[in-house]
Amino acid sequence: MTRERGIPVGEFIAPLSLATDMGEISPRRLALLTAIAGTGSISGAARTVGMTYKAAWDAVDAMNNVAGAVLVQVQHGGRGGGGAQLSATGRKVVDDLARLQSLHGQFMAQLKAAGDLDESLMLMRRLSMKSSARNMLLGTVESLRDGGVSTEVNLRLTGGDSLHAIVTRESAQELGLAPGREVQAIIKASWIILAMGDDNIRTSARNRLCGSVTRIVEGDVNAEVVLALMGGNTLAVIITRQSLDELGLQEGSQVCALIKASHIILGVSL
């Protein structure tokens, strides 16, 4: 698709994010763009898509920057705080998005009519997620406790292990976290502390996941230790060679991974 001057803005890619030379505009931000076209204001659009007012403003600034052209024109002041409208480029993005959503819906309906693909499609969405963190665990939100600034999220991992994460209240709202929501728990290997399974120690770490060592990869300074948790998940941990020697770890050792709740990053599929 193009801007007014005929310069490419980017290409829509499934699941209908807009890929430009400077980055991607996510489906959630595209929904905000559509809502701005319908409501004529950033505050109204934020309410429509379930964003905070600040997050919506940040998203508008990011979209204008990433697109390389003004998509949203903002009018400041006036009763009600002014308004917002789409530029010609912004309207074309929204129009193209609507057409693609319609075609995408027809295509998916045809696929489903040919066979039950729901489970395979869900699996492919999980596998497509990329992260620099070594550990990505699938879980379901069991409960949330709002603490004003932060929210404690209690997860049940596949296999039955439980995990507790602390995220900001704004993040919990933007991710749409609620009981039953499927999430990815992302944990960097270097954030995990190992303790022997028979150590009766008390720590401030909220999470204690126990299992057995299945693999050790030794380096000059650090070592990677891979655990098989009781629930069936695997967990990779980076520790120093000195810690490896002091703990006397070997394949089959029973150990526990200690993880602070604030060291867990949560992600959801859009």
C-alpha atoms as a PDB file:
ATOM      1  CA  MET A   1       0.000   0.000   0.000  1.00  0.00           C
ATOM      2  CA  THR A   2       1.161   3.576  -0.642  1.00  0.00           C
ATOM      3  CA  ARG A   3       1.092   7.099   0.744  1.00  0.00           C
ATOM      4  CA  GLU A   4      -0.264  10.093  -1.145  1.00  0.00           C
ATOM      5  CA  ARG A   5       3.036  10.615  -3.028  1.00  0.00           C
ATOM      6  CA  GLY A   6       3.181   7.014  -4.219  1.00  0.00           C
ATOM      7  CA  ILE A   7       5.933   5.963  -1.777  1.00  0.00           C
ATOM      8  CA  PRO A   8       5.291   2.505  -0.229  1.00  0.00           C
ATOM      9  CA  VAL A   9       4.119   2.586   3.392  1.00  0.00           C
ATOM     10  CA  GLY A  10       4.290  -1.154   3.959  1.00  0.00           C
ATOM     11  CA  GLU A  11       2.594  -4.506   3.462  1.00  0.00           C
ATOM     12  CA  PHE A  12      -0.142  -6.181   5.490  1.00  0.00           C
ATOM     13  CA  ILE A  13       0.874  -9.604   6.822  1.00  0.00           C
ATOM     14  CA  ALA A  14      -1.139 -12.205   8.764  1.00  0.00           C
ATOM     15  CA  PRO A  15      -2.517 -11.786  11.387  1.00  0.00           C
ATOM     16  CA  LEU A  16      -2.970  -8.427   9.697  1.00  0.00           C
ATOM     17  CA  SER A  17      -0.203  -6.344  11.156  1.00  0.00           C
ATOM     18  CA  LEU A  18       1.252  -3.649   8.890  1.00  0.00           C
ATOM     19  CA  ALA A  19       4.932  -4.249   8.108  1.00  0.00           C
ATOM     20  CA  THR A  20       6.824  -1.096   7.101  1.00  0.00           C
ATOM     21  CA  ASP A  21      10.473  -0.377   6.429  1.00  0.00           C
ATOM     22  CA  MET A  22      10.793   1.083   9.944  1.00  0.00           C
ATOM     23  CA  GLY A  23       8.888  -1.596  11.880  1.00  0.00           C
ATOM     24  CA  GLU A  24       5.463  -3.175  12.327  1.00  0.00           C
ATOM     25  CA  ILE A  25       2.126  -1.702  13.392  1.00  0.00           C
ATOM     26  CA  SER A  26       0.464  -4.391  15.495  1.00  0.00           C
ATOM     27  CA  PRO A  27      -3.146  -5.603  15.105  1.00  0.00           C
ATOM     28  CA  ARG A  28      -4.030  -3.833  18.367  1.00  0.00           C
ATOM     29  CA  ARG A  29      -2.735  -0.511  17.087  1.00  0.00           C
ATOM     30  CA  LEU A  30      -4.516  -1.027  13.768  1.00  0.00           C
ATOM     31  CA  ALA A  31      -7.712  -1.533  15.797  1.00  0.00           C
ATOM     32  CA  LEU A  32      -6.994   1.797  17.520  1.00  0.00           C
ATOM     33  CA  LEU A  33      -6.570   3.443  14.120  1.00  0.00           C
ATOM     34  CA  THR A  34      -9.936   2.079  13.002  1.00  0.00           C
ATOM     35  CA  ALA A  35     -11.552   3.265  16.239  1.00  0.00           C
ATOM     36  CA  ILE A  36     -10.148   6.788  15.751  1.00  0.00           C
ATOM     37  CA  ALA A  37     -11.796   6.862  12.327  1.00  0.00           C
ATOM     38  CA  GLY A  38     -15.099   5.912  13.954  1.00  0.00           C
ATOM     39  CA  THR A  39     -15.011   8.074  17.086  1.00  0.00           C
ATOM     40  CA  GLY A  40     -13.057  11.128  15.953  1.00  0.00           C
ATOM     41  CA  SER A  41     -11.058  11.241  19.173  1.00  0.00           C
ATOM     42  CA  ILE A  42      -8.153   9.447  20.786  1.00  0.00           C
ATOM     43  CA  SER A  43      -9.892   9.158  24.152  1.00  0.00           C
ATOM     44  CA  GLY A  44     -12.998   7.620  22.582  1.00  0.00           C
ATOM     45  CA  ALA A  45     -10.917   5.227  20.498  1.00  0.00           C
ATOM     46  CA  ALA A  46      -8.909   4.215  23.583  1.00  0.00           C
ATOM     47  CA  ARG A  47     -12.121   3.277  25.386  1.00  0.00           C
ATOM     48  CA  THR A  48     -13.331   1.326  22.352  1.00  0.00           C
ATOM     49  CA  VAL A  49     -10.250  -0.906  22.149  1.00  0.00           C
ATOM     50  CA  GLY A  50      -9.606  -1.067  25.907  1.00  0.00           C
ATOM     51  CA  MET A  51      -6.418   1.015  26.045  1.00  0.00           C
ATOM     52  CA  THR A  52      -5.453   3.637  28.569  1.00  0.00           C
ATOM     53  CA  TYR A  53      -5.459   7.218  27.306  1.00  0.00           C
ATOM     54  CA  LYS A  54      -1.665   7.427  27.669  1.00  0.00           C
ATOM     55  CA  ALA A  55      -1.121   4.122  25.839  1.00  0.00           C
ATOM     56  CA  ALA A  56      -3.346   5.330  22.985  1.00  0.00           C
ATOM     57  CA  TRP A  57      -1.360   8.571  22.638  1.00  0.00           C
ATOM     58  CA  ASP A  58       1.904   6.598  22.684  1.00  0.00           C
ATOM     59  CA  ALA A  59       0.496   4.270  20.025  1.00  0.00           C
ATOM     60  CA  VAL A  60      -0.521   7.188  17.790  1.00  0.00           C
ATOM     61  CA  ASP A  61       2.954   8.714  18.036  1.00  0.00           C
ATOM     62  CA  ALA A  62       4.545   5.332  17.281  1.00  0.00           C
ATOM     63  CA  MET A  63       2.281   4.689  14.274  1.00  0.00           C
ATOM     64  CA  ASN A  64       2.996   8.100  12.777  1.00  0.00           C
ATOM     65  CA  ASN A  65       6.731   7.518  13.229  1.00  0.00           C
ATOM     66  CA  VAL A  66       6.782   3.943  11.938  1.00  0.00           C
ATOM     67  CA  ALA A  67       4.625   4.689   8.884  1.00  0.00           C
ATOM     68  CA  GLY A  68       6.908   7.521   7.812  1.00  0.00           C
ATOM     69  CA  ALA A  69       3.753   9.559   7.168  1.00  0.00           C
ATOM     70  CA  VAL A  70       1.125  11.147   9.392  1.00  0.00           C
ATOM     71  CA  LEU A  71      -1.720   8.656   9.828  1.00  0.00           C
ATOM     72  CA  VAL A  72      -3.544  10.510  12.626  1.00  0.00           C
ATOM     73  CA  GLN A  73      -4.007  14.283  12.656  1.00  0.00           C
ATOM     74  CA  VAL A  74      -4.670  15.648  16.132  1.00  0.00           C
ATOM     75  CA  GLN A  75      -6.505  18.886  16.946  1.00  0.00           C
ATOM     76  CA  HIS A  76      -5.610  20.161  20.403  1.00  0.00           C
ATOM     77  CA  GLY A  77      -7.782  22.242  22.694  1.00  0.00           C
ATOM     78  CA  GLY A  78     -11.439  23.089  22.500  1.00  0.00           C
ATOM     79  CA  ARG A  79     -14.303  21.681  24.484  1.00  0.00           C
ATOM     80  CA  GLY A  80     -13.670  18.042  25.273  1.00  0.00           C
ATOM     81  CA  GLY A  81      -9.946  18.350  24.609  1.00  0.00           C
ATOM     82  CA  GLY A  82     -10.000  18.551  20.810  1.00  0.00           C
ATOM     83  CA  GLY A  83     -10.321  15.719  18.350  1.00  0.00           C
ATOM     84  CA  ALA A  84      -8.453  13.479  15.965  1.00  0.00           C
ATOM     85  CA  GLN A  85      -8.972  12.407  12.390  1.00  0.00           C
ATOM     86  CA  LEU A  86      -7.157  10.231   9.900  1.00  0.00           C
ATOM     87  CA  SER A  87      -5.100  11.640   7.080  1.00  0.00           C
ATOM     88  CA  ALA A  88      -5.680  10.393   3.536  1.00  0.00           C
ATOM     89  CA  THR A  89      -2.940   7.823   4.144  1.00  0.00           C
ATOM     90  CA  GLY A  90      -4.528   6.782   7.428  1.00  0.00           C
ATOM     91  CA  ARG A  91      -7.944   6.353   5.793  1.00  0.00           C
ATOM     92  CA  LYS A  92      -6.409   4.204   3.070  1.00  0.00           C
ATOM     93  CA  VAL A  93      -4.750   1.995   5.703  1.00  0.00           C
ATOM     94  CA  VAL A  94      -8.107   1.512   7.452  1.00  0.00           C
ATOM     95  CA  ASP A  95      -9.966   0.862   4.183  1.00  0.00           C
ATOM     96  CA  ASP A  96      -7.352  -1.651   3.028  1.00  0.00           C
ATOM     97  CA  LEU A  97      -7.429  -3.312   6.447  1.00  0.00           C
ATOM     98  CA  ALA A  98     -11.211  -3.726   6.296  1.00  0.00           C
ATOM     99  CA  ARG A  99     -11.012  -5.326   2.860  1.00  0.00           C
ATOM    100  CA  LEU A 100      -8.237  -7.677   3.936  1.00  0.00           C
ATOM    101  CA  GLN A 101     -10.113  -8.639   7.111  1.00  0.00           C
ATOM    102  CA  SER A 102     -13.108  -9.574   4.996  1.00  0.00           C
ATOM    103  CA  LEU A 103     -11.002 -11.651   2.600  1.00  0.00           C
ATOM    104  CA  HIS A 104      -9.107 -13.212   5.517  1.00  0.00           C
ATOM    105  CA  GLY A 105     -12.389 -14.198   7.163  1.00  0.00           C
ATOM    106  CA  GLN A 106     -13.626 -15.826   3.964  1.00  0.00           C
ATOM    107  CA  PHE A 107     -10.341 -17.698   3.537  1.00  0.00           C
ATOM    108  CA  MET A 108     -10.362 -19.003   7.124  1.00  0.00           C
ATOM    109  CA  ALA A 109     -14.002 -20.080   6.748  1.00  0.00           C
ATOM    110  CA  GLN A 110     -13.028 -22.098   3.673  1.00  0.00           C
ATOM    111  CA  LEU A 111     -10.142 -23.730   5.537  1.00  0.00           C
ATOM    112  CA  LYS A 112     -12.355 -24.687   8.460  1.00  0.00           C
ATOM    113  CA  ALA A 113     -15.002 -26.051   6.114  1.00  0.00           C
ATOM    114  CA  ALA A 114     -12.337 -28.344   4.659  1.00  0.00           C
ATOM    115  CA  GLY A 115     -11.466 -29.776   8.079  1.00  0.00           C
ATOM    116  CA  ASP A 116     -11.003 -29.015  11.781  1.00  0.00           C
ATOM    117  CA  LEU A 117      -7.854 -26.867  11.846  1.00  0.00           C
ATOM    118  CA  ASP A 118      -8.435 -25.004  15.126  1.00  0.00           C
ATOM    119  CA  GLU A 119      -5.949 -27.048  17.159  1.00  0.00           C
ATOM    120  CA  SER A 120      -3.223 -26.927  14.493  1.00  0.00           C
ATOM    121  CA  LEU A 121      -3.671 -23.182  13.962  1.00  0.00           C
ATOM    122  CA  MET A 122      -3.376 -22.544  17.701  1.00  0.00           C
ATOM    123  CA  LEU A 123      -0.208 -24.639  17.860  1.00  0.00           C
ATOM    124  CA  MET A 124       1.332 -22.761  14.923  1.00  0.00           C
ATOM    125  CA  ARG A 125       0.621 -19.431  16.626  1.00  0.00           C
ATOM    126  CA  ARG A 126       2.468 -20.608  19.733  1.00  0.00           C
ATOM    127  CA  LEU A 127       5.447 -21.871  17.737  1.00  0.00           C
ATOM    128  CA  SER A 128       5.759 -18.598  15.809  1.00  0.00           C
ATOM    129  CA  MET A 129       6.498 -16.563  18.936  1.00  0.00           C
ATOM    130  CA  LYS A 130      10.152 -15.474  19.158  1.00  0.00           C
ATOM    131  CA  SER A 131      12.062 -14.193  22.172  1.00  0.00           C
ATOM    132  CA  SER A 132      15.664 -13.779  23.280  1.00  0.00           C
ATOM    133  CA  ALA A 133      14.712 -15.370  26.611  1.00  0.00           C
ATOM    134  CA  ARG A 134      15.652 -19.055  26.862  1.00  0.00           C
ATOM    135  CA  ASN A 135      12.459 -20.172  28.587  1.00  0.00           C
ATOM    136  CA  MET A 136       8.903 -19.812  27.297  1.00  0.00           C
ATOM    137  CA  LEU A 137       6.266 -21.717  29.269  1.00  0.00           C
ATOM    138  CA  LEU A 138       2.611 -22.018  28.316  1.00  0.00           C
ATOM    139  CA  GLY A 139       0.069 -21.418  31.072  1.00  0.00           C
ATOM    140  CA  THR A 140      -3.426 -20.264  31.944  1.00  0.00           C
ATOM    141  CA  VAL A 141      -4.343 -17.423  34.287  1.00  0.00           C
ATOM    142  CA  GLU A 142      -5.996 -18.789  37.416  1.00  0.00           C
ATOM    143  CA  SER A 143      -6.438 -15.576  39.372  1.00  0.00           C
ATOM    144  CA  LEU A 144      -5.285 -11.979  39.652  1.00  0.00           C
ATOM    145  CA  ARG A 145      -4.788  -9.728  42.660  1.00  0.00           C
ATOM    146  CA  ASP A 146      -4.740  -6.002  42.031  1.00  0.00           C
ATOM    147  CA  GLY A 147      -2.263  -4.149  44.204  1.00  0.00           C
ATOM    148  CA  GLY A 148      -2.884  -0.649  42.894  1.00  0.00           C
ATOM    149  CA  VAL A 149       0.337  -0.100  40.952  1.00  0.00           C
ATOM    150  CA  SER A 150       1.109  -3.783  40.342  1.00  0.00           C
ATOM    151  CA  THR A 151      -0.947  -6.907  39.733  1.00  0.00           C
ATOM    152  CA  GLU A 152      -0.072 -10.409  40.924  1.00  0.00           C
ATOM    153  CA  VAL A 153      -0.935 -13.005  38.283  1.00  0.00           C
ATOM    154  CA  ASN A 154      -1.256 -16.642  39.327  1.00  0.00           C
ATOM    155  CA  LEU A 155      -0.723 -19.113  36.474  1.00  0.00           C
ATOM    156  CA  ARG A 156      -1.256 -22.827  36.048  1.00  0.00           C
ATOM    157  CA  LEU A 157       1.324 -24.253  33.643  1.00  0.00           C
ATOM    158  CA  THR A 158       0.655 -27.190  31.376  1.00  0.00           C
ATOM    159  CA  GLY A 159       1.476 -30.220  33.494  1.00  0.00           C
ATOM    160  CA  GLY A 160       0.120 -28.687  36.685  1.00  0.00           C
ATOM    161  CA  ASP A 161       3.010 -26.562  37.986  1.00  0.00           C
ATOM    162  CA  SER A 162       1.973 -23.146  39.306  1.00  0.00           C
ATOM    163  CA  LEU A 163       3.746 -19.874  38.652  1.00  0.00           C
ATOM    164  CA  HIS A 164       3.317 -16.411  40.143  1.00  0.00           C
ATOM    165  CA  ALA A 165       4.189 -13.252  38.212  1.00  0.00           C
ATOM    166  CA  ILE A 166       4.120  -9.552  39.080  1.00  0.00           C
ATOM    167  CA  VAL A 167       3.312  -7.081  36.286  1.00  0.00           C
ATOM    168  CA  THR A 168       2.206  -3.474  36.311  1.00  0.00           C
ATOM    169  CA  ARG A 169      -1.518  -2.842  36.510  1.00  0.00           C
ATOM    170  CA  GLU A 170      -1.368  -1.089  33.120  1.00  0.00           C
ATOM    171  CA  SER A 171       0.330  -4.118  31.545  1.00  0.00           C
ATOM    172  CA  ALA A 172      -2.298  -6.473  32.969  1.00  0.00           C
ATOM    173  CA  GLN A 173      -5.041  -4.328  31.433  1.00  0.00           C
ATOM    174  CA  GLU A 174      -3.346  -3.969  28.052  1.00  0.00           C
ATOM    175  CA  LEU A 175      -2.718  -7.729  27.839  1.00  0.00           C
ATOM    176  CA  GLY A 176      -6.352  -8.391  28.725  1.00  0.00           C
ATOM    177  CA  LEU A 177      -5.374 -10.731  31.557  1.00  0.00           C
ATOM    178  CA  ALA A 178      -8.297 -12.538  33.155  1.00  0.00           C
ATOM    179  CA  PRO A 179      -8.948 -16.001  34.599  1.00  0.00           C
ATOM    180  CA  GLY A 180      -8.849 -18.548  31.812  1.00  0.00           C
ATOM    181  CA  ARG A 181      -6.652 -16.436  29.491  1.00  0.00           C
ATOM    182  CA  GLU A 182      -3.801 -18.384  27.901  1.00  0.00           C
ATOM    183  CA  VAL A 183      -0.404 -16.727  28.339  1.00  0.00           C
ATOM    184  CA  GLN A 184       3.278 -17.324  27.716  1.00  0.00           C
ATOM    185  CA  ALA A 185       5.562 -16.989  30.741  1.00  0.00           C
ATOM    186  CA  ILE A 186       8.972 -15.801  29.512  1.00  0.00           C
ATOM    187  CA  ILE A 187      11.966 -16.240  31.830  1.00  0.00           C
ATOM    188  CA  LYS A 188      15.601 -15.468  31.076  1.00  0.00           C
ATOM    189  CA  ALA A 189      17.911 -18.331  31.992  1.00  0.00           C
ATOM    190  CA  SER A 190      20.253 -15.992  33.894  1.00  0.00           C
ATOM    191  CA  TRP A 191      17.427 -14.817  36.194  1.00  0.00           C
ATOM    192  CA  ILE A 192      16.943 -18.255  37.767  1.00  0.00           C
ATOM    193  CA  ILE A 193      18.688 -19.438  40.939  1.00  0.00           C
ATOM    194  CA  LEU A 194      19.299 -23.147  41.522  1.00  0.00           C
ATOM    195  CA  ALA A 195      19.124 -24.922  44.876  1.00  0.00           C
ATOM    196  CA  MET A 196      19.473 -28.604  45.677  1.00  0.00           C
ATOM    197  CA  GLY A 197      16.144 -30.368  46.061  1.00  0.00           C
ATOM    198  CA  ASP A 198      16.851 -31.390  49.659  1.00  0.00           C
ATOM    199  CA  ASP A 199      17.879 -27.873  50.779  1.00  0.00           C
ATOM    200  CA  ASN A 200      15.354 -26.514  53.277  1.00  0.00           C
ATOM    201  CA  ILE A 201      16.168 -22.886  52.614  1.00  0.00           C
ATOM    202  CA  ARG A 202      13.926 -19.854  52.767  1.00  0.00           C
ATOM    203  CA  THR A 203      14.180 -17.180  50.081  1.00  0.00           C
ATOM    204  CA  SER A 204      12.217 -14.157  48.928  1.00  0.00           C
ATOM    205  CA  ALA A 205      11.696 -15.788  45.519  1.00  0.00           C
ATOM    206  CA  ARG A 206       7.975 -16.384  45.005  1.00  0.00           C
ATOM    207  CA  ASN A 207       8.395 -19.409  42.741  1.00  0.00           C
ATOM    208  CA  ARG A 208      10.032 -22.767  43.475  1.00  0.00           C
ATOM    209  CA  LEU A 209       9.887 -25.251  40.590  1.00  0.00           C
ATOM    210  CA  CYS A 210      11.568 -28.605  41.237  1.00  0.00           C
ATOM    211  CA  GLY A 211      12.775 -31.334  38.914  1.00  0.00           C
ATOM    212  CA  SER A 212      15.814 -33.282  37.766  1.00  0.00           C
ATOM    213  CA  VAL A 213      18.828 -32.266  35.705  1.00  0.00           C
ATOM    214  CA  THR A 214      18.643 -33.725  32.190  1.00  0.00           C
ATOM    215  CA  ARG A 215      21.538 -31.925  30.480  1.00  0.00           C
ATOM    216  CA  ILE A 216      24.574 -29.813  31.386  1.00  0.00           C
ATOM    217  CA  VAL A 217      26.471 -27.750  28.815  1.00  0.00           C
ATOM    218  CA  GLU A 218      29.722 -26.463  30.302  1.00  0.00           C
ATOM    219  CA  GLY A 219      31.501 -23.310  29.139  1.00  0.00           C
ATOM    220  CA  ASP A 220      34.691 -21.600  30.235  1.00  0.00           C
ATOM    221  CA  VAL A 221      32.896 -19.261  32.663  1.00  0.00           C
ATOM    222  CA  ASN A 222      29.243 -20.342  32.792  1.00  0.00           C
ATOM    223  CA  ALA A 223      27.256 -23.515  32.386  1.00  0.00           C
ATOM    224  CA  GLU A 224      23.747 -24.176  31.088  1.00  0.00           C
ATOM    225  CA  VAL A 225      21.722 -26.590  33.185  1.00  0.00           C
ATOM    226  CA  VAL A 226      18.495 -27.991  31.742  1.00  0.00           C
ATOM    227  CA  LEU A 227      15.833 -29.296  34.126  1.00  0.00           C
ATOM    228  CA  ALA A 228      12.842 -31.531  33.548  1.00  0.00           C
ATOM    229  CA  LEU A 229      10.154 -30.179  35.879  1.00  0.00           C
ATOM    230  CA  MET A 230       7.695 -32.432  37.646  1.00  0.00           C
ATOM    231  CA  GLY A 231       4.875 -31.149  35.437  1.00  0.00           C
ATOM    232  CA  GLY A 232       6.729 -32.093  32.238  1.00  0.00           C
ATOM    233  CA  ASN A 233       8.076 -28.684  31.205  1.00  0.00           C
ATOM    234  CA  THR A 234      11.783 -28.042  30.718  1.00  0.00           C
ATOM    235  CA  LEU A 235      13.674 -25.100  32.143  1.00  0.00           C
ATOM    236  CA  ALA A 236      17.132 -23.846  31.124  1.00  0.00           C
ATOM    237  CA  VAL A 237      19.280 -22.126  33.756  1.00  0.00           C
ATOM    238  CA  ILE A 238      22.600 -20.303  33.398  1.00  0.00           C
ATOM    239  CA  ILE A 239      24.946 -20.532  36.416  1.00  0.00           C
ATOM    240  CA  THR A 240      28.679 -20.024  36.875  1.00  0.00           C
ATOM    241  CA  ARG A 241      31.108 -22.928  36.536  1.00  0.00           C
ATOM    242  CA  GLN A 242      32.048 -22.366  40.184  1.00  0.00           C
ATOM    243  CA  SER A 243      28.413 -22.786  41.258  1.00  0.00           C
ATOM    244  CA  LEU A 244      28.158 -25.928  39.140  1.00  0.00           C
ATOM    245  CA  ASP A 245      31.187 -27.421  40.894  1.00  0.00           C
ATOM    246  CA  GLU A 246      30.083 -26.343  44.373  1.00  0.00           C
ATOM    247  CA  LEU A 247      26.607 -27.839  43.914  1.00  0.00           C
ATOM    248  CA  GLY A 248      28.080 -30.994  42.427  1.00  0.00           C
ATOM    249  CA  LEU A 249      25.413 -31.084  39.749  1.00  0.00           C
ATOM    250  CA  GLN A 250      25.212 -33.956  37.286  1.00  0.00           C
ATOM    251  CA  GLU A 251      22.514 -35.543  35.166  1.00  0.00           C
ATOM    252  CA  GLY A 252      19.812 -36.915  37.452  1.00  0.00           C
ATOM    253  CA  SER A 253      20.465 -34.450  40.304  1.00  0.00           C
ATOM    254  CA  GLN A 254      17.291 -33.275  42.015  1.00  0.00           C
ATOM    255  CA  VAL A 255      17.185 -29.485  42.086  1.00  0.00           C
ATOM    256  CA  CYS A 256      14.763 -26.601  42.474  1.00  0.00           C
ATOM    257  CA  ALA A 257      14.624 -23.443  40.381  1.00  0.00           C
ATOM    258  CA  LEU A 258      13.966 -20.268  42.372  1.00  0.00           C
ATOM    259  CA  ILE A 259      12.386 -17.446  40.371  1.00  0.00           C
ATOM    260  CA  LYS A 260      11.291 -14.013  41.552  1.00  0.00           C
ATOM    261  CA  ALA A 261       7.761 -13.103  40.489  1.00  0.00           C
ATOM    262  CA  SER A 262       9.019  -9.795  39.101  1.00  0.00           C
ATOM    263  CA  HIS A 263      11.448 -11.664  36.802  1.00  0.00           C
ATOM    264  CA  ILE A 264       8.661 -13.296  34.796  1.00  0.00           C
ATOM    265  CA  ILE A 265       7.519 -11.584  31.590  1.00  0.00           C
ATOM    266  CA  LEU A 266       4.030 -12.390  30.330  1.00  0.00           C
ATOM    267  CA  GLY A 267       2.978 -12.484  26.696  1.00  0.00           C
ATOM    268  CA  VAL A 268      -0.322 -13.199  24.945  1.00  0.00           C
ATOM    269  CA  SER A 269      -1.321 -14.086  21.388  1.00  0.00           C
ATOM    270  CA  LEU A 270      -3.205 -11.310  19.618  1.00  0.00           C
END
